[in-house]
Protein backbone atom coordinates (compact mmCIF):
# COMPACT_ATOMS: atom_id res chain seq x y z
CA MET A 1 -10.19 11.84 -5.99
CA VAL A 2 -6.72 10.81 -5.79
CA ALA A 3 -5.93 9.12 -9.17
CA PRO A 4 -6.29 12.59 -11.01
CA PHE A 5 -3.83 13.47 -8.39
CA PHE A 6 -1.14 10.72 -8.91
CA TYR A 7 -1.51 10.88 -12.75
CA ARG A 8 -0.93 15.23 -13.05
CA PHE A 9 1.47 14.61 -10.76
CA SER A 10 3.34 11.02 -11.06
CA SER A 11 5.15 12.88 -14.51
CA ILE A 12 7.32 15.28 -11.76
CA PHE A 13 7.74 11.95 -9.83
CA GLY A 14 8.79 10.46 -12.16
CA PHE A 15 11.71 12.25 -12.04
CA SER A 16 13.38 9.54 -9.45
CA ALA A 17 14.67 7.26 -11.98
CA LEU A 18 17.07 10.23 -12.81
CA ILE A 19 18.59 10.43 -9.43
CA PRO A 20 20.51 8.19 -7.22
CA ALA A 21 18.81 4.86 -5.68
CA MET A 22 19.48 6.07 -2.54
CA VAL A 23 17.26 9.77 -2.64
CA VAL A 24 14.81 7.46 -4.88
CA ALA A 25 14.40 5.25 -1.50
CA VAL A 26 13.85 8.51 1.09
CA PHE A 27 11.27 9.57 -1.31
CA MET A 28 9.53 6.34 -0.64
CA GLY A 29 10.28 5.24 2.10
CA ALA A 30 8.11 8.48 3.54
CA PHE A 31 5.02 8.01 1.67
CA ILE A 32 5.01 4.11 2.06
CA THR A 33 5.31 5.60 5.87
CA LEU A 34 2.32 8.14 4.58
CA GLY A 35 0.76 5.50 3.62
CA VAL A 36 0.83 2.79 6.80
CA ILE A 37 0.23 5.59 9.63
CA PHE A 38 -2.63 6.80 7.71
CA THR A 39 -3.62 3.39 6.93
CA ALA A 40 -3.14 2.36 9.98
CA THR A 41 -5.18 4.97 11.52
CA LEU A 42 -8.53 3.05 9.99
CA TYR A 43 -8.53 0.63 13.07
CA PHE A 44 -9.89 3.73 15.39
CA ILE A 45 -12.69 3.84 12.84
CA GLN A 46 -16.61 3.19 14.55
CA GLU A 47 -19.78 3.31 13.38
CA GLY A 48 -20.80 6.34 11.52
CA ASP A 49 -17.48 8.32 11.20
CA TRP A 50 -17.72 7.89 7.46
CA LEU A 51 -16.36 11.66 6.95
CA LEU A 52 -12.83 9.81 9.01
CA ALA A 53 -12.59 7.13 7.12
CA SER A 54 -12.91 8.81 3.93
CA GLY A 55 -10.17 10.70 4.64
CA LEU A 56 -7.84 7.97 5.93
CA PHE A 57 -8.37 6.23 3.07
CA ILE A 58 -7.47 9.11 0.41
CA LEU A 59 -4.74 10.01 2.72
CA ALA A 60 -3.31 6.12 2.71
CA ASN A 61 -4.43 5.50 -0.83
CA ILE A 62 -1.98 9.08 -1.68
CA GLY A 63 0.91 7.39 0.25
CA PHE A 64 0.33 4.14 -1.59
CA ALA A 65 0.55 5.48 -4.76
CA GLY A 66 2.88 7.77 -4.56
CA ALA A 67 5.70 4.91 -2.46
CA ASN A 68 4.70 2.99 -6.26
CA VAL A 69 6.26 5.48 -7.98
CA PHE A 70 9.46 5.68 -6.51
CA TYR A 71 8.97 1.65 -6.69
CA ASP A 72 8.93 0.90 -10.12
CA SER A 73 12.16 3.63 -10.46
CA LEU A 74 13.83 1.49 -8.34
CA LEU A 75 13.58 -1.49 -11.03
CA SER A 76 16.64 0.26 -13.22
CA HIS A 77 18.96 0.28 -10.34
CA VAL A 78 19.04 -3.34 -8.56
CA ALA A 79 18.92 -5.61 -12.54
CA ASP A 80 19.83 -5.41 -15.17
CA ASP A 81 18.17 -4.50 -18.39
CA ASP A 82 18.23 -8.94 -19.96
CA GLN A 83 16.74 -9.16 -15.66
CA LEU A 84 14.04 -6.51 -15.61
CA ASP A 85 11.30 -8.01 -17.17
CA ARG A 86 12.03 -11.56 -14.71
CA LEU A 87 12.68 -9.33 -11.85
CA SER A 88 9.54 -7.15 -12.43
CA ALA A 89 7.14 -10.31 -13.10
CA SER A 90 8.12 -12.01 -9.51
CA GLY A 91 7.46 -9.37 -7.26
CA TYR A 92 3.59 -8.70 -9.13
CA ALA A 93 3.97 -12.33 -9.12
CA LEU A 94 4.37 -13.00 -4.99
CA GLY A 95 2.75 -8.73 -4.57
CA TYR A 96 -0.73 -10.83 -5.63
CA MET A 97 0.17 -14.24 -3.72
CA GLY A 98 0.87 -12.48 -0.20
CA GLY A 99 -2.34 -9.92 -0.99
CA GLY A 100 -4.88 -12.81 -1.68
CA ILE A 101 -3.20 -15.13 1.05
CA LEU A 102 -3.70 -12.37 3.51
CA LEU A 103 -7.77 -11.36 2.10
CA VAL A 104 -7.90 -15.73 3.04
CA LEU A 105 -6.98 -15.43 6.54
CA ASN A 106 -9.02 -11.53 7.28
CA LEU A 107 -12.33 -13.68 5.76
CA LEU A 108 -12.16 -16.25 7.93
CA TRP A 109 -11.31 -13.53 10.98
CA ILE A 110 -13.67 -11.76 10.02
CA THR A 111 -16.34 -15.09 9.04
CA SER A 112 -15.23 -16.37 12.44
CA PRO A 113 -13.95 -14.09 15.52
CA GLU A 114 -14.63 -16.15 18.36
CA ARG A 115 -12.60 -18.75 16.99
CA TRP A 116 -9.07 -16.31 16.13
CA GLY A 117 -9.65 -14.77 19.91
CA PHE A 118 -11.37 -12.09 18.24
CA ALA A 119 -14.63 -10.39 21.13
CA ASP A 120 -16.84 -10.08 17.33
CA ALA A 121 -16.99 -9.10 13.27
CA GLY A 122 -15.63 -5.95 14.19
CA GLY A 123 -13.24 -6.09 16.19
CA ALA A 124 -11.55 -8.75 13.33
CA THR A 125 -12.75 -6.51 9.82
CA ARG A 126 -10.92 -3.57 12.58
CA ALA A 127 -8.22 -5.98 12.54
CA SER A 128 -7.85 -6.27 9.10
CA PHE A 129 -6.22 -3.25 8.43
């Protein structure tokens, strides 16, 4: 549901490569804020709130995808043409490494919540958001 929205409108957002980096950063910050707020609200979802969880997930995903469009356009502002590939690959690799470390930590929380100070696996799962 979110992907078609961004496939259609990413060309409109793609204009960000033509505008100053400071303006791009403002747009990126707005989408990051949107993604962070709606991801954080997933903490409050209780069992059976699937419709609310779906809506919050969609809004968080819009924030994430929108921020990625502007993030990608900033690359040309921070690196020379001969360094673009190296910088992009390094950012990609570090992002995957950070995500993997966070996944391991979250799985440890969920599989043994008492050891990490959580009352149950549900609380550990909510804290993972």
